[in-house]
Amino acid sequence: MKKIKGLTCMALSAFFTLAFSATAFAAPAPTNVAPTLPTEVISKDTTVTPNFVSPNQPTGPGTCWVTASPYLNVRKFASTGAPIIGQLNYTSQVYVYEVYNGWATVQNIAGEQGFVTVEYLSTVKFF
């Protein structure tokens, strides 16, 4: 009986040592770590990594700035599979006419409409 009590005490001691060690009370991993940014493969030799995903994305008409680096693709229609019809350089100012389903309608000087994702537009001038 004494051997069983001794083993039980040793097992409990080991359990409590592991359960209440310094690592059990360590600070949790930070939750504000920047997420891994998506990339868009333009060709086999070129990949674009956005500078940052804007926390100030447009929700309606107004002036915005491009946060994608080196540029943001302008597409023929609101889809990542749509043909690219132009590009907006990083920090470019652009006027958004409409926002729908995560896509903004923009227009170039010639009056041609295109679509960009609002993810890389900011309503706040950041530079």
C-alpha atoms as a PDB file:
ATOM      1  CA  MET A   1       0.000   0.000   0.000  1.00  0.00           C
ATOM      2  CA  LYS A   2       2.865   2.398   0.777  1.00  0.00           C
ATOM      3  CA  LYS A   3       4.375   1.816  -2.675  1.00  0.00           C
ATOM      4  CA  ILE A   4       1.063   2.677  -4.338  1.00  0.00           C
ATOM      5  CA  LYS A   5       0.696   5.870  -2.261  1.00  0.00           C
ATOM      6  CA  GLY A   6       4.294   6.808  -3.099  1.00  0.00           C
ATOM      7  CA  LEU A   7       3.735   6.276  -6.809  1.00  0.00           C
ATOM      8  CA  THR A   8       0.453   8.162  -6.666  1.00  0.00           C
ATOM      9  CA  CYS A   9       2.134  11.104  -4.929  1.00  0.00           C
ATOM     10  CA  MET A  10       4.958  11.091  -7.482  1.00  0.00           C
ATOM     11  CA  ALA A  11       2.477  10.969 -10.366  1.00  0.00           C
ATOM     12  CA  LEU A  12       0.413  13.810  -8.911  1.00  0.00           C
ATOM     13  CA  SER A  13       3.563  15.808  -8.241  1.00  0.00           C
ATOM     14  CA  ALA A  14       4.691  15.369 -11.845  1.00  0.00           C
ATOM     15  CA  PHE A  15       1.220  16.298 -13.114  1.00  0.00           C
ATOM     16  CA  PHE A  16       1.029  19.515 -11.080  1.00  0.00           C
ATOM     17  CA  THR A  17       4.578  20.456 -12.019  1.00  0.00           C
ATOM     18  CA  LEU A  18       3.714  20.186 -15.714  1.00  0.00           C
ATOM     19  CA  ALA A  19       0.236  21.697 -15.406  1.00  0.00           C
ATOM     20  CA  PHE A  20       1.336  24.717 -13.397  1.00  0.00           C
ATOM     21  CA  SER A  21       4.759  25.346 -14.866  1.00  0.00           C
ATOM     22  CA  ALA A  22       5.771  28.742 -16.235  1.00  0.00           C
ATOM     23  CA  THR A  23       4.730  27.737 -19.749  1.00  0.00           C
ATOM     24  CA  ALA A  24       1.175  27.060 -18.574  1.00  0.00           C
ATOM     25  CA  PHE A  25       0.936  30.703 -17.513  1.00  0.00           C
ATOM     26  CA  ALA A  26       2.869  32.183 -20.392  1.00  0.00           C
ATOM     27  CA  ALA A  27       1.261  35.084 -22.200  1.00  0.00           C
ATOM     28  CA  PRO A  28      -0.820  34.009 -25.159  1.00  0.00           C
ATOM     29  CA  ALA A  29       0.568  34.585 -28.626  1.00  0.00           C
ATOM     30  CA  PRO A  30      -0.197  38.106 -29.829  1.00  0.00           C
ATOM     31  CA  THR A  31      -3.363  38.371 -31.881  1.00  0.00           C
ATOM     32  CA  ASN A  32      -2.385  41.596 -33.598  1.00  0.00           C
ATOM     33  CA  VAL A  33       0.321  39.993 -35.716  1.00  0.00           C
ATOM     34  CA  ALA A  34       0.070  41.145 -39.301  1.00  0.00           C
ATOM     35  CA  PRO A  35      -1.599  38.544 -41.485  1.00  0.00           C
ATOM     36  CA  THR A  36       0.232  37.012 -44.372  1.00  0.00           C
ATOM     37  CA  LEU A  37      -0.623  39.170 -47.329  1.00  0.00           C
ATOM     38  CA  PRO A  38      -1.970  37.519 -50.454  1.00  0.00           C
ATOM     39  CA  THR A  39      -0.016  37.743 -53.660  1.00  0.00           C
ATOM     40  CA  GLU A  40      -1.195  37.864 -57.221  1.00  0.00           C
ATOM     41  CA  VAL A  41       0.939  36.170 -59.850  1.00  0.00           C
ATOM     42  CA  ILE A  42       1.065  38.411 -62.897  1.00  0.00           C
ATOM     43  CA  SER A  43       3.386  36.187 -64.898  1.00  0.00           C
ATOM     44  CA  LYS A  44       5.902  33.483 -64.089  1.00  0.00           C
ATOM     45  CA  ASP A  45       8.497  36.221 -63.474  1.00  0.00           C
ATOM     46  CA  THR A  46       6.391  38.830 -61.654  1.00  0.00           C
ATOM     47  CA  THR A  47       4.493  38.585 -58.392  1.00  0.00           C
ATOM     48  CA  VAL A  48       2.794  41.510 -56.698  1.00  0.00           C
ATOM     49  CA  THR A  49       2.597  41.657 -52.918  1.00  0.00           C
ATOM     50  CA  PRO A  50       0.333  44.398 -51.638  1.00  0.00           C
ATOM     51  CA  ASN A  51       1.924  46.925 -49.325  1.00  0.00           C
ATOM     52  CA  PHE A  52      -0.928  46.508 -46.864  1.00  0.00           C
ATOM     53  CA  VAL A  53      -4.591  45.665 -46.682  1.00  0.00           C
ATOM     54  CA  SER A  54      -6.344  48.902 -45.873  1.00  0.00           C
ATOM     55  CA  PRO A  55      -8.348  49.132 -42.649  1.00  0.00           C
ATOM     56  CA  ASN A  56     -10.061  52.207 -44.171  1.00  0.00           C
ATOM     57  CA  GLN A  57     -11.685  50.623 -47.200  1.00  0.00           C
ATOM     58  CA  PRO A  58     -14.262  52.670 -49.089  1.00  0.00           C
ATOM     59  CA  THR A  59     -17.931  51.837 -48.631  1.00  0.00           C
ATOM     60  CA  GLY A  60     -19.279  54.340 -51.129  1.00  0.00           C
ATOM     61  CA  PRO A  61     -18.333  57.089 -53.586  1.00  0.00           C
ATOM     62  CA  GLY A  62     -15.329  59.253 -52.783  1.00  0.00           C
ATOM     63  CA  THR A  63     -11.605  59.832 -53.143  1.00  0.00           C
ATOM     64  CA  CYS A  64      -9.263  56.975 -52.230  1.00  0.00           C
ATOM     65  CA  TRP A  65      -5.568  56.093 -52.386  1.00  0.00           C
ATOM     66  CA  VAL A  66      -3.994  52.860 -53.627  1.00  0.00           C
ATOM     67  CA  THR A  67      -2.236  50.719 -50.989  1.00  0.00           C
ATOM     68  CA  ALA A  68      -1.103  47.912 -53.322  1.00  0.00           C
ATOM     69  CA  SER A  69       2.578  47.943 -54.218  1.00  0.00           C
ATOM     70  CA  PRO A  70       3.821  48.405 -56.886  1.00  0.00           C
ATOM     71  CA  TYR A  71       0.342  48.737 -58.446  1.00  0.00           C
ATOM     72  CA  LEU A  72      -3.296  47.663 -58.328  1.00  0.00           C
ATOM     73  CA  ASN A  73      -4.828  45.964 -61.351  1.00  0.00           C
ATOM     74  CA  VAL A  74      -7.913  47.510 -62.911  1.00  0.00           C
ATOM     75  CA  ARG A  75     -10.179  44.830 -64.368  1.00  0.00           C
ATOM     76  CA  LYS A  76     -12.838  44.778 -67.073  1.00  0.00           C
ATOM     77  CA  PHE A  77     -15.446  43.496 -64.613  1.00  0.00           C
ATOM     78  CA  ALA A  78     -15.604  42.719 -60.904  1.00  0.00           C
ATOM     79  CA  SER A  79     -13.716  39.429 -60.751  1.00  0.00           C
ATOM     80  CA  THR A  80     -10.110  38.340 -60.235  1.00  0.00           C
ATOM     81  CA  GLY A  81     -10.557  36.275 -63.391  1.00  0.00           C
ATOM     82  CA  ALA A  82     -11.501  39.319 -65.482  1.00  0.00           C
ATOM     83  CA  PRO A  83      -9.033  40.710 -68.023  1.00  0.00           C
ATOM     84  CA  ILE A  84      -6.684  43.426 -66.736  1.00  0.00           C
ATOM     85  CA  ILE A  85      -7.370  46.688 -68.569  1.00  0.00           C
ATOM     86  CA  GLY A  86      -5.077  48.991 -66.607  1.00  0.00           C
ATOM     87  CA  GLN A  87      -3.111  49.573 -63.440  1.00  0.00           C
ATOM     88  CA  LEU A  88      -3.076  52.148 -60.641  1.00  0.00           C
ATOM     89  CA  ASN A  89       0.319  52.863 -59.074  1.00  0.00           C
ATOM     90  CA  TYR A  90       0.967  52.634 -55.351  1.00  0.00           C
ATOM     91  CA  THR A  91      -0.186  55.856 -53.575  1.00  0.00           C
ATOM     92  CA  SER A  92      -2.221  56.962 -56.637  1.00  0.00           C
ATOM     93  CA  GLN A  93      -5.331  58.971 -55.919  1.00  0.00           C
ATOM     94  CA  VAL A  94      -8.488  57.594 -57.512  1.00  0.00           C
ATOM     95  CA  TYR A  95     -12.163  58.483 -57.370  1.00  0.00           C
ATOM     96  CA  VAL A  96     -14.508  55.599 -56.527  1.00  0.00           C
ATOM     97  CA  TYR A  97     -17.933  55.891 -58.143  1.00  0.00           C
ATOM     98  CA  GLU A  98     -19.577  52.867 -56.578  1.00  0.00           C
ATOM     99  CA  VAL A  99     -18.738  50.029 -54.194  1.00  0.00           C
ATOM    100  CA  TYR A 100     -20.469  46.683 -54.433  1.00  0.00           C
ATOM    101  CA  ASN A 101     -19.539  43.266 -53.072  1.00  0.00           C
ATOM    102  CA  GLY A 102     -15.911  44.206 -52.319  1.00  0.00           C
ATOM    103  CA  TRP A 103     -15.287  45.849 -55.701  1.00  0.00           C
ATOM    104  CA  ALA A 104     -15.037  49.537 -56.545  1.00  0.00           C
ATOM    105  CA  THR A 105     -15.944  51.106 -59.879  1.00  0.00           C
ATOM    106  CA  VAL A 106     -13.297  53.574 -61.100  1.00  0.00           C
ATOM    107  CA  GLN A 107     -12.899  55.523 -64.323  1.00  0.00           C
ATOM    108  CA  ASN A 108      -9.818  56.570 -66.270  1.00  0.00           C
ATOM    109  CA  ILE A 109      -9.208  59.893 -68.012  1.00  0.00           C
ATOM    110  CA  ALA A 110     -10.635  58.510 -71.270  1.00  0.00           C
ATOM    111  CA  GLY A 111     -13.896  57.723 -69.459  1.00  0.00           C
ATOM    112  CA  GLU A 112     -13.461  53.934 -69.479  1.00  0.00           C
ATOM    113  CA  GLN A 113     -14.826  52.200 -66.413  1.00  0.00           C
ATOM    114  CA  GLY A 114     -12.974  49.463 -64.588  1.00  0.00           C
ATOM    115  CA  PHE A 115     -13.095  47.590 -61.309  1.00  0.00           C
ATOM    116  CA  VAL A 116     -10.609  47.257 -58.448  1.00  0.00           C
ATOM    117  CA  THR A 117     -10.868  45.391 -55.185  1.00  0.00           C
ATOM    118  CA  VAL A 118     -11.543  47.715 -52.238  1.00  0.00           C
ATOM    119  CA  GLU A 119      -9.109  45.674 -50.154  1.00  0.00           C
ATOM    120  CA  TYR A 120      -6.208  47.773 -51.470  1.00  0.00           C
ATOM    121  CA  LEU A 121      -7.887  51.177 -51.383  1.00  0.00           C
ATOM    122  CA  SER A 122      -7.805  53.559 -48.441  1.00  0.00           C
ATOM    123  CA  THR A 123     -10.113  56.470 -47.714  1.00  0.00           C
ATOM    124  CA  VAL A 124      -7.312  57.963 -45.627  1.00  0.00           C
ATOM    125  CA  LYS A 125      -4.183  59.417 -47.223  1.00  0.00           C
ATOM    126  CA  PHE A 126      -1.446  57.373 -45.551  1.00  0.00           C
ATOM    127  CA  PHE A 127       1.758  58.889 -46.955  1.00  0.00           C
END
